[in-house]
Amino acid sequence: MARMARLLDEQNIPEEGRWFVAGPAFYEELSQSGSKLLSVDFNAGQGSIRNGLVSSGKLRGFNMYKSNNIGATSTATGKVMAGHMSSTATAQTITTTEVIRDPSSFGDIVRGLHVYGAKVLRPDALVSAFYTVD
């Protein structure tokens, strides 16, 4: 994490708005290694995880999140990602809607086409690394 913070610092990426994402196996290893990061006593009394946020404070300037969408090859190795909120953008909208009669009841059905997407805007504001548990 310190190296990821340094790489972002070298690219002049602001510290405010930085995030770090790792899989459940990474955080399991953190909690087993005697780390005080995930302990309720050292986590401002907020030991529960809400919306993937792991810690109420920052570590090396990162908000820490947990996700199953990070590629992991096994429980002993995995991938972690870090970056800044300005690195990517997402958008969504409902482009078309239509109303049709419901054939099985008295009423109408409204359906629409929901489109969404994401794009990397600043590749220099993203870093990733692989880890191995010894």
N, C-alpha and C. Protein backbone atom coordinates (compact mmCIF):
# COMPACT_ATOMS: atom_id res chain seq x y z
N MET A 1 0.82 -1.19 0.00
CA MET A 1 0.00 0.00 0.00
C MET A 1 0.86 1.25 0.00
N ALA A 2 1.98 1.19 0.69
CA ALA A 2 2.88 2.34 0.71
C ALA A 2 3.44 2.61 -0.68
N ARG A 3 3.77 1.54 -1.42
CA ARG A 3 4.28 1.72 -2.78
C ARG A 3 3.20 2.29 -3.69
N MET A 4 1.97 1.85 -3.52
CA MET A 4 0.87 2.39 -4.33
C MET A 4 0.67 3.87 -4.05
N ALA A 5 0.75 4.24 -2.78
CA ALA A 5 0.63 5.66 -2.41
C ALA A 5 1.77 6.47 -3.03
N ARG A 6 2.99 5.92 -3.01
CA ARG A 6 4.13 6.62 -3.60
C ARG A 6 3.95 6.79 -5.11
N LEU A 7 3.48 5.75 -5.79
CA LEU A 7 3.27 5.85 -7.24
C LEU A 7 2.24 6.92 -7.59
N LEU A 8 1.18 7.00 -6.79
CA LEU A 8 0.18 8.04 -7.03
C LEU A 8 0.74 9.42 -6.70
N ASP A 9 1.55 9.50 -5.65
CA ASP A 9 2.20 10.77 -5.30
C ASP A 9 3.09 11.26 -6.44
N GLU A 10 3.83 10.34 -7.06
CA GLU A 10 4.72 10.70 -8.15
C GLU A 10 3.96 11.21 -9.37
N GLN A 11 2.70 10.82 -9.51
CA GLN A 11 1.86 11.29 -10.62
C GLN A 11 1.07 12.54 -10.25
N ASN A 12 1.35 13.09 -9.06
CA ASN A 12 0.66 14.30 -8.56
C ASN A 12 -0.84 14.09 -8.41
N ILE A 13 -1.24 12.90 -7.97
CA ILE A 13 -2.64 12.58 -7.73
C ILE A 13 -2.99 13.04 -6.32
N PRO A 14 -4.08 13.81 -6.14
CA PRO A 14 -4.43 14.31 -4.81
C PRO A 14 -4.69 13.17 -3.81
N GLU A 15 -4.37 13.42 -2.56
CA GLU A 15 -4.61 12.40 -1.53
C GLU A 15 -6.09 12.27 -1.19
N GLU A 16 -6.82 13.36 -1.26
CA GLU A 16 -8.26 13.31 -0.97
C GLU A 16 -8.96 12.57 -2.11
N GLY A 17 -9.74 11.56 -1.77
CA GLY A 17 -10.49 10.81 -2.77
C GLY A 17 -9.79 9.54 -3.25
N ARG A 18 -8.73 9.13 -2.58
CA ARG A 18 -8.05 7.88 -2.96
C ARG A 18 -8.79 6.68 -2.36
N TRP A 19 -8.77 5.56 -3.08
CA TRP A 19 -9.42 4.34 -2.62
C TRP A 19 -8.51 3.14 -2.86
N PHE A 20 -8.77 2.09 -2.09
CA PHE A 20 -8.01 0.83 -2.18
C PHE A 20 -9.02 -0.30 -2.12
N VAL A 21 -8.94 -1.26 -3.05
CA VAL A 21 -9.88 -2.37 -3.10
C VAL A 21 -9.11 -3.68 -3.09
N ALA A 22 -9.56 -4.60 -2.24
CA ALA A 22 -8.97 -5.93 -2.19
C ALA A 22 -10.08 -6.94 -1.92
N GLY A 23 -9.79 -8.19 -2.16
CA GLY A 23 -10.75 -9.25 -1.94
C GLY A 23 -10.83 -9.69 -0.49
N PRO A 24 -11.81 -10.53 -0.17
CA PRO A 24 -11.98 -11.01 1.21
C PRO A 24 -10.77 -11.75 1.76
N ALA A 25 -10.05 -12.49 0.92
CA ALA A 25 -8.88 -13.23 1.39
C ALA A 25 -7.78 -12.29 1.89
N PHE A 26 -7.63 -11.13 1.24
CA PHE A 26 -6.63 -10.14 1.66
C PHE A 26 -6.96 -9.64 3.06
N TYR A 27 -8.23 -9.30 3.29
CA TYR A 27 -8.62 -8.77 4.60
C TYR A 27 -8.63 -9.85 5.67
N GLU A 28 -8.87 -11.10 5.26
CA GLU A 28 -8.76 -12.20 6.22
C GLU A 28 -7.32 -12.31 6.70
N GLU A 29 -6.38 -12.20 5.79
CA GLU A 29 -4.97 -12.27 6.16
C GLU A 29 -4.57 -11.08 7.04
N LEU A 30 -5.11 -9.90 6.74
CA LEU A 30 -4.82 -8.73 7.58
C LEU A 30 -5.30 -8.95 9.01
N SER A 31 -6.47 -9.52 9.15
CA SER A 31 -7.01 -9.71 10.50
C SER A 31 -6.29 -10.82 11.25
N GLN A 32 -5.70 -11.79 10.56
CA GLN A 32 -5.00 -12.89 11.22
C GLN A 32 -3.56 -12.56 11.55
N SER A 33 -3.00 -11.53 10.94
CA SER A 33 -1.58 -11.25 11.13
C SER A 33 -1.31 -10.37 12.34
N GLY A 34 -2.29 -10.22 13.24
CA GLY A 34 -2.09 -9.39 14.42
C GLY A 34 -2.25 -7.92 14.13
N SER A 35 -2.76 -7.57 12.96
CA SER A 35 -2.94 -6.18 12.61
C SER A 35 -4.08 -5.57 13.41
N LYS A 36 -3.95 -4.32 13.77
CA LYS A 36 -4.99 -3.62 14.51
C LYS A 36 -5.94 -2.87 13.58
N LEU A 37 -5.76 -3.01 12.28
CA LEU A 37 -6.56 -2.27 11.32
C LEU A 37 -8.03 -2.61 11.38
N LEU A 38 -8.35 -3.89 11.55
CA LEU A 38 -9.74 -4.33 11.49
C LEU A 38 -10.36 -4.54 12.86
N SER A 39 -9.64 -4.25 13.92
CA SER A 39 -10.15 -4.42 15.27
C SER A 39 -11.10 -3.29 15.63
N VAL A 40 -12.18 -3.62 16.33
CA VAL A 40 -13.14 -2.60 16.74
C VAL A 40 -12.49 -1.62 17.71
N ASP A 41 -11.59 -2.09 18.54
CA ASP A 41 -10.93 -1.22 19.51
C ASP A 41 -10.11 -0.12 18.84
N PHE A 42 -9.56 -0.41 17.68
CA PHE A 42 -8.69 0.55 16.99
C PHE A 42 -9.35 1.14 15.75
N ASN A 43 -10.62 0.84 15.52
CA ASN A 43 -11.31 1.29 14.32
C ASN A 43 -12.43 2.25 14.67
N ALA A 44 -12.22 3.09 15.64
CA ALA A 44 -13.19 4.11 16.07
C ALA A 44 -14.53 3.49 16.46
N GLY A 45 -14.51 2.25 16.95
CA GLY A 45 -15.74 1.62 17.40
C GLY A 45 -16.66 1.17 16.29
N GLN A 46 -16.18 1.18 15.04
CA GLN A 46 -17.02 0.78 13.92
C GLN A 46 -16.42 -0.45 13.27
N GLY A 47 -16.70 -1.60 13.84
CA GLY A 47 -16.12 -2.83 13.32
C GLY A 47 -16.93 -3.45 12.21
N SER A 48 -18.16 -3.02 11.99
CA SER A 48 -18.97 -3.63 10.95
C SER A 48 -18.65 -3.02 9.59
N ILE A 49 -18.82 -3.82 8.56
CA ILE A 49 -18.53 -3.37 7.21
C ILE A 49 -19.83 -2.98 6.53
N ARG A 50 -19.90 -1.76 6.04
CA ARG A 50 -21.08 -1.27 5.34
C ARG A 50 -20.68 -0.81 3.95
N ASN A 51 -21.41 -1.24 2.94
CA ASN A 51 -21.15 -0.85 1.55
C ASN A 51 -19.72 -1.16 1.12
N GLY A 52 -19.14 -2.21 1.66
CA GLY A 52 -17.79 -2.59 1.28
C GLY A 52 -16.69 -1.83 1.97
N LEU A 53 -17.02 -0.74 2.69
CA LEU A 53 -16.00 0.04 3.37
C LEU A 53 -15.49 -0.75 4.56
N VAL A 54 -14.21 -1.01 4.60
CA VAL A 54 -13.63 -1.87 5.63
C VAL A 54 -13.25 -1.11 6.88
N SER A 55 -12.67 0.07 6.73
CA SER A 55 -12.17 0.82 7.87
C SER A 55 -12.77 2.22 7.87
N SER A 56 -13.09 2.73 9.06
CA SER A 56 -13.65 4.08 9.13
C SER A 56 -12.59 5.15 8.90
N GLY A 57 -11.34 4.82 9.15
CA GLY A 57 -10.25 5.76 8.92
C GLY A 57 -9.52 5.42 7.64
N LYS A 58 -8.49 6.16 7.34
CA LYS A 58 -7.70 5.92 6.14
C LYS A 58 -6.40 5.24 6.50
N LEU A 59 -5.91 4.44 5.60
CA LEU A 59 -4.62 3.80 5.75
C LEU A 59 -3.77 4.22 4.57
N ARG A 60 -2.63 4.87 4.84
CA ARG A 60 -1.75 5.41 3.81
C ARG A 60 -2.50 6.35 2.86
N GLY A 61 -3.56 6.99 3.36
CA GLY A 61 -4.33 7.94 2.56
C GLY A 61 -5.45 7.33 1.75
N PHE A 62 -5.70 6.01 1.90
CA PHE A 62 -6.71 5.32 1.11
C PHE A 62 -7.93 4.98 1.96
N ASN A 63 -9.12 5.13 1.38
CA ASN A 63 -10.32 4.50 1.92
C ASN A 63 -10.27 3.05 1.47
N MET A 64 -10.45 2.12 2.40
CA MET A 64 -10.27 0.70 2.09
C MET A 64 -11.62 0.04 1.85
N TYR A 65 -11.74 -0.68 0.72
CA TYR A 65 -12.97 -1.36 0.35
C TYR A 65 -12.71 -2.83 0.09
N LYS A 66 -13.76 -3.64 0.28
CA LYS A 66 -13.71 -5.08 0.03
C LYS A 66 -14.63 -5.40 -1.12
N SER A 67 -14.16 -6.24 -2.05
CA SER A 67 -14.98 -6.62 -3.20
C SER A 67 -14.61 -8.01 -3.67
N ASN A 68 -15.61 -8.75 -4.14
CA ASN A 68 -15.38 -10.05 -4.76
C ASN A 68 -15.07 -9.91 -6.25
N ASN A 69 -15.10 -8.71 -6.78
CA ASN A 69 -14.87 -8.48 -8.21
C ASN A 69 -13.41 -8.24 -8.55
N ILE A 70 -12.54 -8.39 -7.58
CA ILE A 70 -11.10 -8.28 -7.83
C ILE A 70 -10.59 -9.68 -8.16
N GLY A 71 -9.82 -9.80 -9.22
CA GLY A 71 -9.33 -11.10 -9.64
C GLY A 71 -8.42 -11.72 -8.60
N ALA A 72 -8.71 -12.97 -8.23
CA ALA A 72 -7.86 -13.71 -7.30
C ALA A 72 -7.67 -15.11 -7.85
N THR A 73 -6.44 -15.58 -7.85
CA THR A 73 -6.18 -16.91 -8.37
C THR A 73 -6.40 -17.98 -7.32
N SER A 74 -6.19 -17.67 -6.05
CA SER A 74 -6.43 -18.60 -4.95
C SER A 74 -6.48 -17.79 -3.67
N THR A 75 -6.62 -18.47 -2.54
CA THR A 75 -6.64 -17.74 -1.27
C THR A 75 -5.24 -17.28 -0.88
N ALA A 76 -4.18 -17.86 -1.48
CA ALA A 76 -2.82 -17.48 -1.13
C ALA A 76 -2.27 -16.35 -2.00
N THR A 77 -2.87 -16.12 -3.17
CA THR A 77 -2.44 -15.04 -4.04
C THR A 77 -3.65 -14.26 -4.50
N GLY A 78 -3.44 -13.03 -4.86
CA GLY A 78 -4.56 -12.23 -5.33
C GLY A 78 -4.09 -10.90 -5.88
N LYS A 79 -5.06 -10.08 -6.23
CA LYS A 79 -4.80 -8.78 -6.82
C LYS A 79 -5.46 -7.71 -5.98
N VAL A 80 -4.80 -6.58 -5.85
CA VAL A 80 -5.36 -5.41 -5.18
C VAL A 80 -5.25 -4.23 -6.14
N MET A 81 -6.16 -3.28 -5.99
CA MET A 81 -6.17 -2.10 -6.84
C MET A 81 -6.31 -0.86 -5.98
N ALA A 82 -5.76 0.23 -6.46
CA ALA A 82 -5.89 1.51 -5.78
C ALA A 82 -5.95 2.60 -6.84
N GLY A 83 -6.51 3.73 -6.43
CA GLY A 83 -6.60 4.82 -7.37
C GLY A 83 -7.27 6.03 -6.75
N HIS A 84 -7.63 6.96 -7.62
CA HIS A 84 -8.30 8.18 -7.22
C HIS A 84 -9.67 8.22 -7.88
N MET A 85 -10.61 8.88 -7.23
CA MET A 85 -11.97 8.91 -7.75
C MET A 85 -12.06 9.59 -9.12
N SER A 86 -11.09 10.38 -9.51
CA SER A 86 -11.11 11.03 -10.82
C SER A 86 -10.60 10.12 -11.94
N SER A 87 -10.18 8.89 -11.60
CA SER A 87 -9.60 8.01 -12.61
C SER A 87 -10.65 7.43 -13.55
N THR A 88 -11.87 7.25 -13.07
CA THR A 88 -12.90 6.61 -13.89
C THR A 88 -14.20 7.40 -13.82
N ALA A 89 -15.04 7.15 -14.80
CA ALA A 89 -16.36 7.78 -14.82
C ALA A 89 -17.40 6.72 -15.18
N THR A 90 -18.59 6.85 -14.64
CA THR A 90 -19.69 5.97 -14.98
C THR A 90 -20.89 6.82 -15.36
N ALA A 91 -21.72 6.26 -16.20
CA ALA A 91 -22.93 6.96 -16.62
C ALA A 91 -24.04 5.93 -16.85
N GLN A 92 -25.27 6.37 -16.63
CA GLN A 92 -26.41 5.50 -16.88
C GLN A 92 -27.63 6.35 -17.21
N THR A 93 -28.52 5.78 -18.00
CA THR A 93 -29.75 6.47 -18.34
C THR A 93 -30.76 5.46 -18.88
N ILE A 94 -32.01 5.84 -18.90
CA ILE A 94 -33.05 5.05 -19.55
C ILE A 94 -33.35 5.75 -20.86
N THR A 95 -33.02 5.09 -21.97
CA THR A 95 -33.11 5.76 -23.27
C THR A 95 -34.52 5.78 -23.84
N THR A 96 -35.22 4.69 -23.79
CA THR A 96 -36.58 4.64 -24.36
C THR A 96 -37.50 3.92 -23.38
N THR A 97 -38.74 4.33 -23.36
CA THR A 97 -39.76 3.66 -22.56
C THR A 97 -41.00 3.45 -23.42
N GLU A 98 -41.75 2.44 -23.04
CA GLU A 98 -43.02 2.20 -23.72
C GLU A 98 -44.00 1.59 -22.74
N VAL A 99 -45.28 1.83 -22.99
CA VAL A 99 -46.36 1.31 -22.16
C VAL A 99 -47.12 0.29 -22.99
N ILE A 100 -47.29 -0.91 -22.41
CA ILE A 100 -48.07 -1.95 -23.08
C ILE A 100 -49.12 -2.48 -22.12
N ARG A 101 -50.21 -3.02 -22.66
CA ARG A 101 -51.26 -3.59 -21.83
C ARG A 101 -50.79 -4.91 -21.25
N ASP A 102 -51.10 -5.14 -19.98
CA ASP A 102 -50.79 -6.40 -19.33
C ASP A 102 -51.88 -7.40 -19.70
N PRO A 103 -51.54 -8.49 -20.41
CA PRO A 103 -52.57 -9.43 -20.84
C PRO A 103 -53.15 -10.28 -19.71
N SER A 104 -52.47 -10.34 -18.56
CA SER A 104 -52.95 -11.20 -17.49
C SER A 104 -53.67 -10.45 -16.37
N SER A 105 -53.72 -9.12 -16.42
CA SER A 105 -54.42 -8.37 -15.39
C SER A 105 -54.91 -7.05 -15.97
N PHE A 106 -55.66 -6.33 -15.14
CA PHE A 106 -56.18 -5.02 -15.55
C PHE A 106 -55.13 -3.97 -15.21
N GLY A 107 -54.37 -3.55 -16.21
CA GLY A 107 -53.33 -2.56 -15.96
C GLY A 107 -52.37 -2.47 -17.12
N ASP A 108 -51.36 -1.67 -16.94
CA ASP A 108 -50.35 -1.46 -17.96
C ASP A 108 -48.98 -1.88 -17.43
N ILE A 109 -48.11 -2.19 -18.37
CA ILE A 109 -46.72 -2.50 -18.06
C ILE A 109 -45.86 -1.42 -18.71
N VAL A 110 -44.96 -0.86 -17.94
CA VAL A 110 -44.02 0.12 -18.48
C VAL A 110 -42.65 -0.54 -18.53
N ARG A 111 -42.04 -0.53 -19.69
CA ARG A 111 -40.70 -1.09 -19.82
C ARG A 111 -39.80 -0.07 -20.50
N GLY A 112 -38.53 -0.19 -20.20
CA GLY A 112 -37.58 0.77 -20.76
C GLY A 112 -36.23 0.12 -20.99
N LEU A 113 -35.39 0.79 -21.74
CA LEU A 113 -34.05 0.32 -22.03
C LEU A 113 -33.07 1.11 -21.16
N HIS A 114 -32.45 0.40 -20.23
CA HIS A 114 -31.49 1.00 -19.31
C HIS A 114 -30.09 0.73 -19.87
N VAL A 115 -29.36 1.79 -20.17
CA VAL A 115 -28.00 1.65 -20.68
C VAL A 115 -27.03 2.26 -19.67
N TYR A 116 -25.85 1.68 -19.59
CA TYR A 116 -24.85 2.16 -18.64
C TYR A 116 -23.46 1.87 -19.20
N GLY A 117 -22.48 2.52 -18.64
CA GLY A 117 -21.11 2.29 -19.08
C GLY A 117 -20.12 2.94 -18.13
N ALA A 118 -18.87 2.60 -18.35
CA ALA A 118 -17.78 3.15 -17.54
C ALA A 118 -16.57 3.34 -18.44
N LYS A 119 -15.74 4.29 -18.08
CA LYS A 119 -14.55 4.56 -18.87
C LYS A 119 -13.43 5.05 -17.96
N VAL A 120 -12.22 4.61 -18.25
CA VAL A 120 -11.05 5.11 -17.53
C VAL A 120 -10.66 6.44 -18.16
N LEU A 121 -10.67 7.48 -17.33
CA LEU A 121 -10.33 8.82 -17.81
C LEU A 121 -8.87 9.17 -17.58
N ARG A 122 -8.33 8.70 -16.47
CA ARG A 122 -6.95 9.01 -16.11
C ARG A 122 -6.23 7.72 -15.72
N PRO A 123 -5.60 7.04 -16.66
CA PRO A 123 -4.89 5.80 -16.33
C PRO A 123 -3.76 6.01 -15.33
N ASP A 124 -3.20 7.22 -15.29
CA ASP A 124 -2.12 7.50 -14.35
C ASP A 124 -2.61 7.56 -12.91
N ALA A 125 -3.93 7.60 -12.70
CA ALA A 125 -4.49 7.66 -11.35
C ALA A 125 -4.95 6.28 -10.87
N LEU A 126 -4.51 5.22 -11.54
CA LEU A 126 -4.82 3.83 -11.15
C LEU A 126 -3.53 3.04 -10.98
N VAL A 127 -3.48 2.20 -9.96
CA VAL A 127 -2.37 1.28 -9.76
C VAL A 127 -2.93 -0.05 -9.31
N SER A 128 -2.22 -1.12 -9.61
CA SER A 128 -2.63 -2.45 -9.15
C SER A 128 -1.39 -3.24 -8.78
N ALA A 129 -1.59 -4.27 -7.99
CA ALA A 129 -0.48 -5.10 -7.55
C ALA A 129 -1.01 -6.50 -7.26
N PHE A 130 -0.12 -7.47 -7.29
CA PHE A 130 -0.44 -8.84 -6.90
C PHE A 130 0.24 -9.11 -5.57
N TYR A 131 -0.40 -9.93 -4.74
CA TYR A 131 0.19 -10.27 -3.44
C TYR A 131 0.23 -11.79 -3.30
N THR A 132 1.14 -12.24 -2.47
CA THR A 132 1.27 -13.65 -2.14
C THR A 132 1.38 -13.78 -0.64
N VAL A 133 0.59 -14.69 -0.07
CA VAL A 133 0.64 -14.95 1.36
C VAL A 133 1.63 -16.07 1.62
N ASP A 134 2.60 -15.78 2.48
CA ASP A 134 3.62 -16.79 2.80
C ASP A 134 3.15 -17.74 3.86
